[in-house]
């Protein structure tokens, strides 16, 4: 297995682990009382902020300008969606309407996560394809050198 494939396997394992955790939390929260749901929400928000901080530190340590640009775009997306949600919540006068708007946002966020997974697959396949192209190119150059000798 090549380096990229090993990294992708590790990342896919992490993704599967996080998906299972999310699925389990949602299932449990649908069966728990309000105070436990609030605690799960706080725990999840704390975990989210911690992971966001760690990702920012990773980006700062990266020497790749494309990674920094992608991280900036993702941060802008998160900032903008947070603003939209806050604005929508403020404009909804009735608690039931706020709850419905929040549920619709959650549904969209899940759909966006699925689309992000598809995009991650495309990015991984492109990286593997480019790695194979580079290896084939190197092999062809070696074969050409051997033919000229």
Protein backbone atom coordinates (compact mmCIF):
# COMPACT_ATOMS: atom_id res chain seq x y z
CA UNK A 1 0.00 0.00 0.00
CA UNK A 2 1.30 3.45 -0.90
CA UNK A 3 1.64 6.34 1.53
CA UNK A 4 -1.49 8.18 0.32
CA UNK A 5 -3.53 5.01 0.57
CA UNK A 6 -2.35 4.44 4.13
CA UNK A 7 -3.26 8.00 5.09
CA UNK A 8 -6.66 7.66 3.43
CA UNK A 9 -7.31 4.39 5.25
CA UNK A 10 -6.55 6.09 8.58
CA UNK A 11 -8.75 9.07 7.72
CA UNK A 12 -11.60 6.77 6.65
CA UNK A 13 -11.33 4.94 9.96
CA UNK A 14 -11.54 8.28 11.80
CA UNK A 15 -14.56 9.26 9.70
CA UNK A 16 -16.29 5.96 10.43
CA UNK A 17 -15.56 6.37 14.13
CA UNK A 18 -16.99 9.89 14.19
CA UNK A 19 -20.06 8.83 12.21
CA UNK A 20 -20.74 6.01 14.68
CA UNK A 21 -20.32 8.42 17.58
CA UNK A 22 -22.71 10.93 16.01
CA UNK A 23 -25.27 8.27 15.19
CA UNK A 24 -25.10 6.88 18.72
CA UNK A 25 -25.47 10.30 20.33
CA UNK A 26 -28.47 11.20 18.20
CA UNK A 27 -30.12 7.87 18.96
CA UNK A 28 -29.50 8.19 22.71
CA UNK A 29 -30.61 11.81 22.85
CA UNK A 30 -33.95 10.97 21.30
CA UNK A 31 -34.62 8.74 24.31
CA UNK A 32 -33.23 10.93 27.11
CA UNK A 33 -34.56 13.72 29.25
CA UNK A 34 -33.95 17.39 28.53
CA UNK A 35 -31.11 17.87 31.02
CA UNK A 36 -29.13 14.97 29.52
CA UNK A 37 -29.68 16.37 26.02
CA UNK A 38 -28.36 19.74 27.18
CA UNK A 39 -25.29 18.00 28.64
CA UNK A 40 -24.68 16.08 25.39
CA UNK A 41 -25.02 19.36 23.48
CA UNK A 42 -22.46 21.09 25.71
CA UNK A 43 -20.06 18.14 25.51
CA UNK A 44 -20.36 18.07 21.72
CA UNK A 45 -19.84 21.82 21.44
CA UNK A 46 -16.74 21.57 23.65
CA UNK A 47 -15.39 18.72 21.51
CA UNK A 48 -16.14 20.70 18.34
CA UNK A 49 -14.25 23.75 19.62
CA UNK A 50 -11.30 21.61 20.70
CA UNK A 51 -11.12 19.93 17.29
CA UNK A 52 -11.45 23.28 15.53
CA UNK A 53 -8.53 24.60 17.56
CA UNK A 54 -6.42 21.53 16.73
CA UNK A 55 -7.22 21.86 13.02
CA UNK A 56 -6.16 25.52 13.09
CA UNK A 57 -2.87 24.52 14.74
CA UNK A 58 -2.34 21.84 12.08
CA UNK A 59 -2.91 24.38 9.32
CA UNK A 60 -0.52 26.85 10.94
CA UNK A 61 2.15 24.13 10.98
CA UNK A 62 1.59 23.24 7.36
CA UNK A 63 3.96 24.52 4.72
CA UNK A 64 1.34 24.22 2.00
CA UNK A 65 -0.34 27.40 0.82
CA UNK A 66 -3.20 25.37 -0.66
CA UNK A 67 -3.96 23.85 2.75
CA UNK A 68 -4.07 27.33 4.28
CA UNK A 69 -6.37 28.56 1.50
CA UNK A 70 -8.71 25.60 1.91
CA UNK A 71 -8.78 26.06 5.68
CA UNK A 72 -9.62 29.74 5.24
CA UNK A 73 -12.49 28.85 2.89
CA UNK A 74 -13.85 26.30 5.36
CA UNK A 75 -13.61 28.77 8.23
CA UNK A 76 -15.45 31.37 6.14
CA UNK A 77 -18.19 28.81 5.37
CA UNK A 78 -18.58 27.96 9.05
CA UNK A 79 -18.65 31.62 10.05
CA UNK A 80 -21.25 32.47 7.40
CA UNK A 81 -23.55 29.53 8.21
CA UNK A 82 -23.35 30.39 11.90
CA UNK A 83 -24.34 33.99 11.13
CA UNK A 84 -27.26 32.85 8.98
CA UNK A 85 -28.52 30.52 11.69
CA UNK A 86 -28.26 33.23 14.37
CA UNK A 87 -30.08 35.72 12.13
CA UNK A 88 -32.83 33.20 11.41
CA UNK A 89 -33.26 32.38 15.08
CA UNK A 90 -33.48 36.08 15.93
CA UNK A 91 -36.11 36.70 13.25
CA UNK A 92 -38.36 33.82 14.37
CA UNK A 93 -40.72 35.19 17.05
CA UNK A 94 -42.29 31.87 18.06
CA UNK A 95 -40.29 29.14 19.79
CA UNK A 96 -41.88 26.43 17.62
CA UNK A 97 -40.77 28.30 14.49
CA UNK A 98 -37.24 28.54 15.87
CA UNK A 99 -37.25 24.81 16.57
CA UNK A 100 -38.45 24.06 13.03
CA UNK A 101 -35.83 26.36 11.49
CA UNK A 102 -33.15 24.74 13.62
CA UNK A 103 -34.28 21.24 12.57
CA UNK A 104 -34.18 22.26 8.89
CA UNK A 105 -30.69 23.64 9.40
CA UNK A 106 -29.58 20.39 11.05
CA UNK A 107 -31.01 18.42 8.12
CA UNK A 108 -29.10 20.63 5.68
CA UNK A 109 -25.91 20.29 7.73
CA UNK A 110 -26.18 16.50 7.52
CA UNK A 111 -26.80 16.68 3.76
CA UNK A 112 -23.78 18.98 3.43
CA UNK A 113 -21.66 16.53 5.42
CA UNK A 114 -22.65 13.73 3.04
CA UNK A 115 -21.73 15.93 0.07
CA UNK A 116 -18.43 16.77 1.78
CA UNK A 117 -17.73 13.05 2.08
CA UNK A 118 -18.33 12.67 -1.66
CA UNK A 119 -15.97 15.54 -2.35
CA UNK A 120 -13.35 14.00 -0.04
CA UNK A 121 -13.63 10.77 -2.06
CA UNK A 122 -13.11 12.71 -5.29
CA UNK A 123 -10.06 14.46 -3.79
CA UNK A 124 -8.61 11.15 -2.58
CA UNK A 125 -9.17 9.45 -5.94
CA UNK A 126 -7.55 12.38 -7.75
CA UNK A 127 -4.54 12.18 -5.42
CA UNK A 128 -4.19 8.44 -6.02
CA UNK A 129 -4.59 8.94 -9.77
CA UNK A 130 -1.90 11.64 -9.79
CA UNK A 131 0.43 9.47 -7.72
CA UNK A 132 0.00 6.60 -10.19
CA UNK A 133 0.57 9.00 -13.12
CA UNK A 134 3.78 10.23 -11.49
CA UNK A 135 4.98 6.66 -10.89
CA UNK A 136 4.17 5.67 -14.47
CA UNK A 137 5.95 8.77 -15.75
CA UNK A 138 9.05 7.91 -13.73
CA UNK A 139 8.92 4.32 -14.95
CA UNK A 140 8.57 5.44 -18.58
CA UNK A 141 11.58 7.75 -18.23
CA UNK A 142 13.65 4.91 -16.78
CA UNK A 143 12.61 2.61 -19.62
CA UNK A 144 13.52 5.29 -22.19
CA UNK A 145 16.95 5.69 -20.60
CA UNK A 146 17.51 1.94 -20.67
CA UNK A 147 16.51 1.80 -24.34
CA UNK A 148 19.06 4.49 -25.23
CA UNK A 149 21.86 2.69 -23.45
